[in-house]
Amino acid sequence: MINALSSPFLPLFFTLFLTACSGYKEFYKQAQGATPETVAVMRVAPPPAIPIVERAQPGDSMTILDAYAKRGYIMIGNSMFKTGHPESEDSAVRQARDVGADLVLILNPRYAGTVTYNIPITTLTRAPKDSSQALDDITSYAPATIALSDYGAVYFVKQRFELGVFSRDLNDAERQELQTNQGAVVRLSLMGARPSMPICR
């Protein structure tokens, strides 16, 4: 009788684990309204050959976006994903180049727990050639635990501005206070721009 360890899933499992495609590319999500045509019109200059790379700890997304907005950068997309294999920062830079980003903010990986898979292992049983005995293969399951990490990157372009501010429409309370339905509130000023109060027009 010849015994061997075999499973159709085992090679596939380790192939995916070791050679999975870049999560930065696979999980890229374009920001609302940030189509290539729109970005081409709003950006200050054509995309660079190599985008600026910056790094940060994961944090509140609005705080991060506001900080870059003050520097004149707007988000055109992001990649947020969980994986059990190391991701190269070069993959994030390549994705930034592919989407035409001026700057990519790479978030430091953060431990995200573990996941356990049950991998089927089949023992192939073979009788000697001169035997007519039929033997059944035996399948058992071996647990494999993998540590997961959260990865992320945010992609920005430098935007062209006329006033140097980010604004929003008036809300109902502000319309009532100002006695007008027309106007805007300056939410953020670019660094070096003079802060403004609500603007009526």
Protein backbone atom coordinates (compact mmCIF):
# COMPACT_ATOMS: atom_id res chain seq x y z
CA MET A 1 0.00 0.00 0.00
CA ILE A 2 1.38 3.40 -0.98
CA ASN A 3 0.43 6.47 1.06
CA ALA A 4 0.78 10.06 -0.13
CA LEU A 5 -0.47 13.45 1.03
CA SER A 6 -2.55 15.14 -1.60
CA SER A 7 -5.20 17.82 -1.92
CA PRO A 8 -6.39 19.76 -4.96
CA PHE A 9 -6.83 22.81 -2.73
CA LEU A 10 -3.46 22.77 -0.99
CA PRO A 11 -1.28 24.03 -3.89
CA LEU A 12 -3.92 26.57 -4.83
CA PHE A 13 -4.15 27.85 -1.26
CA PHE A 14 -0.42 28.48 -0.95
CA THR A 15 -0.19 29.90 -4.47
CA LEU A 16 -2.83 32.49 -3.65
CA PHE A 17 -1.21 33.20 -0.31
CA LEU A 18 2.27 33.73 -1.74
CA THR A 19 1.56 35.28 -5.14
CA ALA A 20 -1.76 37.09 -4.79
CA CYS A 21 -2.09 40.19 -6.95
CA SER A 22 -1.65 43.59 -5.38
CA GLY A 23 -4.40 44.54 -2.95
CA TYR A 24 -3.73 48.21 -3.74
CA LYS A 25 -4.84 47.56 -7.31
CA GLU A 26 -7.55 44.98 -6.63
CA PHE A 27 -9.31 47.07 -3.96
CA TYR A 28 -8.85 50.50 -5.52
CA LYS A 29 -11.99 52.63 -5.22
CA GLN A 30 -12.36 55.81 -7.22
CA ALA A 31 -13.61 58.84 -5.28
CA GLN A 32 -17.06 60.08 -6.22
CA GLY A 33 -16.86 62.30 -9.29
CA ALA A 34 -13.11 61.78 -9.71
CA THR A 35 -13.28 60.51 -13.28
CA PRO A 36 -10.09 60.77 -15.35
CA GLU A 37 -11.71 63.53 -17.42
CA THR A 38 -12.69 65.57 -14.34
CA VAL A 39 -9.30 65.12 -12.70
CA ALA A 40 -7.50 66.21 -15.88
CA VAL A 41 -9.41 69.51 -15.85
CA MET A 42 -8.98 70.31 -12.14
CA ARG A 43 -5.33 69.35 -11.62
CA VAL A 44 -2.53 71.91 -11.60
CA ALA A 45 -0.12 69.94 -13.78
CA PRO A 46 0.14 66.61 -15.61
CA PRO A 47 0.80 63.58 -13.41
CA PRO A 48 4.45 63.05 -12.46
CA ALA A 49 6.47 60.03 -13.55
CA ILE A 50 6.95 59.12 -9.89
CA PRO A 51 4.34 60.35 -7.36
CA ILE A 52 5.30 61.80 -4.00
CA VAL A 53 5.16 59.13 -1.28
CA GLU A 54 4.15 59.94 2.28
CA ARG A 55 3.32 57.65 5.22
CA ALA A 56 1.06 57.95 8.25
CA GLN A 57 -0.64 55.96 10.96
CA PRO A 58 -4.29 55.07 10.21
CA GLY A 59 -6.65 57.64 11.70
CA ASP A 60 -9.85 59.59 11.19
CA SER A 61 -10.40 59.83 7.44
CA MET A 62 -11.88 63.33 7.50
CA THR A 63 -8.96 64.67 9.54
CA ILE A 64 -6.52 63.19 7.02
CA LEU A 65 -8.42 64.56 4.02
CA ASP A 66 -8.74 68.01 5.59
CA ALA A 67 -5.00 68.13 6.32
CA TYR A 68 -4.19 67.41 2.68
CA ALA A 69 -6.91 69.72 1.43
CA LYS A 70 -5.21 72.59 3.26
CA ARG A 71 -2.12 71.81 1.21
CA GLY A 72 -4.14 71.92 -1.99
CA TYR A 73 -4.55 68.16 -2.50
CA ILE A 74 -7.85 66.39 -3.11
CA MET A 75 -8.44 62.64 -2.96
CA ILE A 76 -9.12 60.86 -6.25
CA GLY A 77 -9.34 57.36 -4.77
CA ASN A 78 -8.19 54.94 -2.09
CA SER A 79 -7.30 51.30 -1.49
CA MET A 80 -8.40 49.75 1.82
CA PHE A 81 -8.11 46.01 2.36
CA LYS A 82 -7.27 43.19 4.74
CA THR A 83 -4.78 40.48 3.81
CA GLY A 84 -2.69 37.68 5.23
CA HIS A 85 0.43 38.27 3.14
CA PRO A 86 2.87 41.21 3.12
CA GLU A 87 2.12 44.00 0.65
CA SER A 88 4.97 45.94 -0.91
CA GLU A 89 4.84 49.73 -0.83
CA ASP A 90 6.02 49.61 -4.44
CA SER A 91 2.59 48.18 -5.30
CA ALA A 92 0.93 51.28 -3.85
CA VAL A 93 3.29 53.54 -5.80
CA ARG A 94 2.55 51.65 -9.03
CA GLN A 95 -1.17 52.02 -8.42
CA ALA A 96 -0.71 55.73 -7.74
CA ARG A 97 1.14 56.06 -11.04
CA ASP A 98 -1.55 54.07 -12.88
CA VAL A 99 -4.34 56.39 -11.65
CA GLY A 100 -2.31 59.55 -12.27
CA ALA A 101 -1.87 60.61 -8.63
CA ASP A 102 0.51 63.40 -7.66
CA LEU A 103 0.87 62.01 -4.14
CA VAL A 104 0.13 58.72 -2.40
CA LEU A 105 -0.32 58.47 1.35
CA ILE A 106 0.52 54.93 2.48
CA LEU A 107 -1.04 53.96 5.80
CA ASN A 108 1.13 51.86 8.07
CA PRO A 109 -0.14 48.24 8.23
CA ARG A 110 -2.11 47.43 11.38
CA TYR A 111 -2.69 44.00 12.92
CA ALA A 112 -6.28 42.85 12.26
CA GLY A 113 -6.53 39.48 13.99
CA THR A 114 -6.25 36.00 12.57
CA VAL A 115 -8.26 33.69 10.35
CA THR A 116 -8.17 29.89 10.41
CA TYR A 117 -8.74 27.73 7.34
CA ASN A 118 -9.43 24.01 7.32
CA ILE A 119 -7.25 22.56 4.58
CA PRO A 120 -8.32 19.15 3.24
CA ILE A 121 -5.51 16.59 3.14
CA THR A 122 -6.19 13.33 1.33
CA THR A 123 -4.23 10.16 1.98
CA LEU A 124 -4.11 8.22 -1.27
CA THR A 125 -4.18 4.48 -0.63
CA ARG A 126 -2.97 2.13 -3.32
CA ALA A 127 -2.96 -1.70 -3.13
CA PRO A 128 -0.15 -3.74 -4.69
CA LYS A 129 -0.63 -4.53 -8.38
CA ASP A 130 -1.17 -8.23 -7.70
CA SER A 131 -3.96 -7.51 -5.22
CA SER A 132 -7.65 -7.20 -6.09
CA GLN A 133 -8.45 -5.42 -2.82
CA ALA A 134 -10.15 -2.02 -3.18
CA LEU A 135 -8.97 0.64 -0.74
CA ASP A 136 -10.66 3.97 0.03
CA ASP A 137 -8.77 7.25 0.10
CA ILE A 138 -8.93 9.03 3.44
CA THR A 139 -9.49 12.78 3.73
CA SER A 140 -8.72 14.70 6.89
CA TYR A 141 -8.57 18.42 7.64
CA ALA A 142 -5.65 20.37 9.04
CA PRO A 143 -6.19 23.88 10.46
CA ALA A 144 -3.96 26.69 9.19
CA THR A 145 -4.00 30.02 11.02
CA ILE A 146 -2.93 33.19 9.25
CA ALA A 147 -2.35 36.61 10.81
CA LEU A 148 -4.20 39.41 9.02
CA SER A 149 -3.24 43.06 8.61
CA ASP A 150 -5.16 46.13 7.45
CA TYR A 151 -3.46 47.96 4.58
CA GLY A 152 -4.43 51.24 3.01
CA ALA A 153 -3.38 54.01 0.65
CA VAL A 154 -4.97 57.31 -0.34
CA TYR A 155 -4.29 58.90 -3.72
CA PHE A 156 -4.26 62.67 -4.25
CA VAL A 157 -3.84 65.24 -7.00
CA LYS A 158 -2.91 68.89 -6.61
CA GLN A 159 -6.02 70.89 -7.46
CA ARG A 160 -6.32 74.17 -9.29
CA PHE A 161 -8.12 76.78 -7.15
CA GLU A 162 -9.65 80.17 -7.90
CA LEU A 163 -10.34 81.33 -4.33
CA GLY A 164 -8.09 79.01 -2.37
CA VAL A 165 -10.95 77.69 -0.22
CA PHE A 166 -13.25 74.68 0.18
CA SER A 167 -16.87 75.71 0.60
CA ARG A 168 -20.29 74.16 1.11
CA ASP A 169 -23.88 75.33 0.67
CA LEU A 170 -25.70 77.02 3.55
CA ASN A 171 -27.79 74.76 5.76
CA ASP A 172 -31.35 75.62 6.82
CA ALA A 173 -30.30 77.31 10.07
CA GLU A 174 -27.74 79.48 8.30
CA ARG A 175 -30.24 80.46 5.61
CA GLN A 176 -32.69 81.54 8.30
CA GLU A 177 -30.05 83.47 10.23
CA LEU A 178 -28.74 85.27 7.15
CA GLN A 179 -32.21 85.70 5.63
CA THR A 180 -31.08 84.41 2.25
CA ASN A 181 -31.11 81.19 0.27
CA GLN A 182 -27.97 82.12 -1.62
CA GLY A 183 -24.49 81.81 -0.22
CA ALA A 184 -21.79 79.42 0.84
CA VAL A 185 -19.77 78.63 3.94
CA VAL A 186 -15.99 78.35 3.71
CA ARG A 187 -15.10 75.07 5.40
CA LEU A 188 -11.35 75.10 4.82
CA SER A 189 -8.77 77.59 3.60
CA LEU A 190 -5.60 76.52 1.88
CA MET A 191 -2.38 77.16 3.75
CA GLY A 192 -1.44 80.78 3.12
CA ALA A 193 -5.00 81.82 2.21
CA ARG A 194 -6.93 84.22 4.43
CA PRO A 195 -9.72 82.50 6.44
CA SER A 196 -13.22 83.64 5.55
CA MET A 197 -16.63 83.91 7.16
CA PRO A 198 -19.89 82.76 5.50
CA ILE A 199 -20.17 84.33 2.06
CA CYS A 200 -23.48 85.63 0.74
CA ARG A 201 -24.03 86.23 -2.91
